[in-house]
Amino acid sequence: LYEVQLLPAAAVEPIGDVDLVEVGGDPDVHVATSVVLARLQETLLTDRRLVVVTRGEDLALAAVRGLVRSAQSEHPGRFVLVDT
């Protein structure tokens, strides 16, 4: 049904009614979480869904995963987190 495409960090690609964003290993926690928070907020203004793909293990990505998990609990079905 859906095709996963690997994209540059914080790039967004629409797939049907789903936006896909991949977050790479940005060492700056503030930058990484700010970018993802902006994407989450933009998605809430539409009827679209957002898939956030993280790859790697570092503090910034841990913060991004926590942010997306919080958004998932507040807005079930709107956000998907894929950790590779």
C-alpha atoms as a PDB file:
ATOM      1  CA  LEU A   1       0.000   0.000   0.000  1.00  0.00           C
ATOM      2  CA  TYR A   2       2.763   2.456   0.915  1.00  0.00           C
ATOM      3  CA  GLU A   3       6.274   2.734  -0.388  1.00  0.00           C
ATOM      4  CA  VAL A   4       9.027   3.898   1.957  1.00  0.00           C
ATOM      5  CA  GLN A   5      11.568   6.203   0.374  1.00  0.00           C
ATOM      6  CA  LEU A   6      14.787   7.297   2.058  1.00  0.00           C
ATOM      7  CA  LEU A   7      15.122  11.064   1.939  1.00  0.00           C
ATOM      8  CA  PRO A   8      17.695  13.646   3.076  1.00  0.00           C
ATOM      9  CA  ALA A   9      17.400  14.837   6.674  1.00  0.00           C
ATOM     10  CA  ALA A  10      14.169  16.740   7.330  1.00  0.00           C
ATOM     11  CA  ALA A  11      13.028  16.428   3.695  1.00  0.00           C
ATOM     12  CA  VAL A  12       9.326  15.848   3.183  1.00  0.00           C
ATOM     13  CA  GLU A  13       7.833  13.722   0.443  1.00  0.00           C
ATOM     14  CA  PRO A  14       4.059  13.360   0.015  1.00  0.00           C
ATOM     15  CA  ILE A  15       2.793   9.813  -0.574  1.00  0.00           C
ATOM     16  CA  GLY A  16      -0.975   9.847  -0.994  1.00  0.00           C
ATOM     17  CA  ASP A  17      -2.373  11.512   2.128  1.00  0.00           C
ATOM     18  CA  VAL A  18       0.829  10.790   4.076  1.00  0.00           C
ATOM     19  CA  ASP A  19       3.939  12.960   4.391  1.00  0.00           C
ATOM     20  CA  LEU A  20       7.214  11.182   5.012  1.00  0.00           C
ATOM     21  CA  VAL A  21      10.090  12.892   6.822  1.00  0.00           C
ATOM     22  CA  GLU A  22      13.455  11.308   7.579  1.00  0.00           C
ATOM     23  CA  VAL A  23      15.589  12.731  10.346  1.00  0.00           C
ATOM     24  CA  GLY A  24      19.295  11.932  10.163  1.00  0.00           C
ATOM     25  CA  GLY A  25      21.823  12.191  12.930  1.00  0.00           C
ATOM     26  CA  ASP A  26      21.860  15.955  13.515  1.00  0.00           C
ATOM     27  CA  PRO A  27      24.078  16.347  16.572  1.00  0.00           C
ATOM     28  CA  ASP A  28      22.198  19.459  17.734  1.00  0.00           C
ATOM     29  CA  VAL A  29      19.204  18.359  19.834  1.00  0.00           C
ATOM     30  CA  HIS A  30      17.551  21.780  19.625  1.00  0.00           C
ATOM     31  CA  VAL A  31      17.717  21.903  15.824  1.00  0.00           C
ATOM     32  CA  ALA A  32      16.480  18.343  15.349  1.00  0.00           C
ATOM     33  CA  THR A  33      13.525  18.697  17.721  1.00  0.00           C
ATOM     34  CA  SER A  34      12.616  22.155  16.396  1.00  0.00           C
ATOM     35  CA  VAL A  35      12.445  20.883  12.822  1.00  0.00           C
ATOM     36  CA  VAL A  36      10.310  17.884  13.756  1.00  0.00           C
ATOM     37  CA  LEU A  37       8.054  19.938  16.041  1.00  0.00           C
ATOM     38  CA  ALA A  38       7.393  22.352  13.164  1.00  0.00           C
ATOM     39  CA  ARG A  39       6.489  19.421  10.877  1.00  0.00           C
ATOM     40  CA  LEU A  40       4.171  17.952  13.527  1.00  0.00           C
ATOM     41  CA  GLN A  41       2.408  21.286  13.991  1.00  0.00           C
ATOM     42  CA  GLU A  42       2.068  21.828  10.232  1.00  0.00           C
ATOM     43  CA  THR A  43       0.557  18.366   9.872  1.00  0.00           C
ATOM     44  CA  LEU A  44      -2.052  19.118  12.536  1.00  0.00           C
ATOM     45  CA  LEU A  45      -3.272  22.050  10.429  1.00  0.00           C
ATOM     46  CA  THR A  46      -4.159  19.629   7.604  1.00  0.00           C
ATOM     47  CA  ASP A  47      -5.962  16.313   7.258  1.00  0.00           C
ATOM     48  CA  ARG A  48      -2.726  14.575   6.325  1.00  0.00           C
ATOM     49  CA  ARG A  49      -0.702  12.062   8.339  1.00  0.00           C
ATOM     50  CA  LEU A  50       3.033  12.201   9.029  1.00  0.00           C
ATOM     51  CA  VAL A  51       5.530   9.346   9.082  1.00  0.00           C
ATOM     52  CA  VAL A  52       8.789  10.234  10.859  1.00  0.00           C
ATOM     53  CA  VAL A  53      11.749   7.985  10.077  1.00  0.00           C
ATOM     54  CA  THR A  54      14.780   8.124  12.353  1.00  0.00           C
ATOM     55  CA  ARG A  55      18.026   6.297  11.787  1.00  0.00           C
ATOM     56  CA  GLY A  56      20.921   6.129  14.142  1.00  0.00           C
ATOM     57  CA  GLU A  57      21.488   6.300  17.856  1.00  0.00           C
ATOM     58  CA  ASP A  58      22.257   9.650  19.422  1.00  0.00           C
ATOM     59  CA  LEU A  59      20.790  12.108  21.896  1.00  0.00           C
ATOM     60  CA  ALA A  60      19.104  14.251  19.226  1.00  0.00           C
ATOM     61  CA  LEU A  61      17.279  11.279  17.715  1.00  0.00           C
ATOM     62  CA  ALA A  62      16.223  10.071  21.167  1.00  0.00           C
ATOM     63  CA  ALA A  63      14.626  13.477  21.762  1.00  0.00           C
ATOM     64  CA  VAL A  64      12.917  13.357  18.345  1.00  0.00           C
ATOM     65  CA  ARG A  65      11.539   9.882  19.055  1.00  0.00           C
ATOM     66  CA  GLY A  66      10.191  11.045  22.421  1.00  0.00           C
ATOM     67  CA  LEU A  67       8.577  14.079  20.805  1.00  0.00           C
ATOM     68  CA  VAL A  68       6.863  11.959  18.151  1.00  0.00           C
ATOM     69  CA  ARG A  69       5.697   9.419  20.736  1.00  0.00           C
ATOM     70  CA  SER A  70       4.108  12.220  22.756  1.00  0.00           C
ATOM     71  CA  ALA A  71       2.369  13.526  19.640  1.00  0.00           C
ATOM     72  CA  GLN A  72       1.153   9.990  18.869  1.00  0.00           C
ATOM     73  CA  SER A  73      -0.481   9.696  22.281  1.00  0.00           C
ATOM     74  CA  GLU A  74      -2.203  13.070  21.908  1.00  0.00           C
ATOM     75  CA  HIS A  75      -3.302  12.522  18.280  1.00  0.00           C
ATOM     76  CA  PRO A  76      -3.814   8.789  17.645  1.00  0.00           C
ATOM     77  CA  GLY A  77      -3.531   7.773  14.009  1.00  0.00           C
ATOM     78  CA  ARG A  78      -1.966  11.028  12.796  1.00  0.00           C
ATOM     79  CA  PHE A  79       1.724  10.221  13.360  1.00  0.00           C
ATOM     80  CA  VAL A  80       3.857   7.136  12.784  1.00  0.00           C
ATOM     81  CA  LEU A  81       7.386   6.658  14.060  1.00  0.00           C
ATOM     82  CA  VAL A  82       9.738   4.337  12.193  1.00  0.00           C
ATOM     83  CA  ASP A  83      13.110   3.805  13.871  1.00  0.00           C
ATOM     84  CA  THR A  84      15.727   2.114  11.688  1.00  0.00           C
END
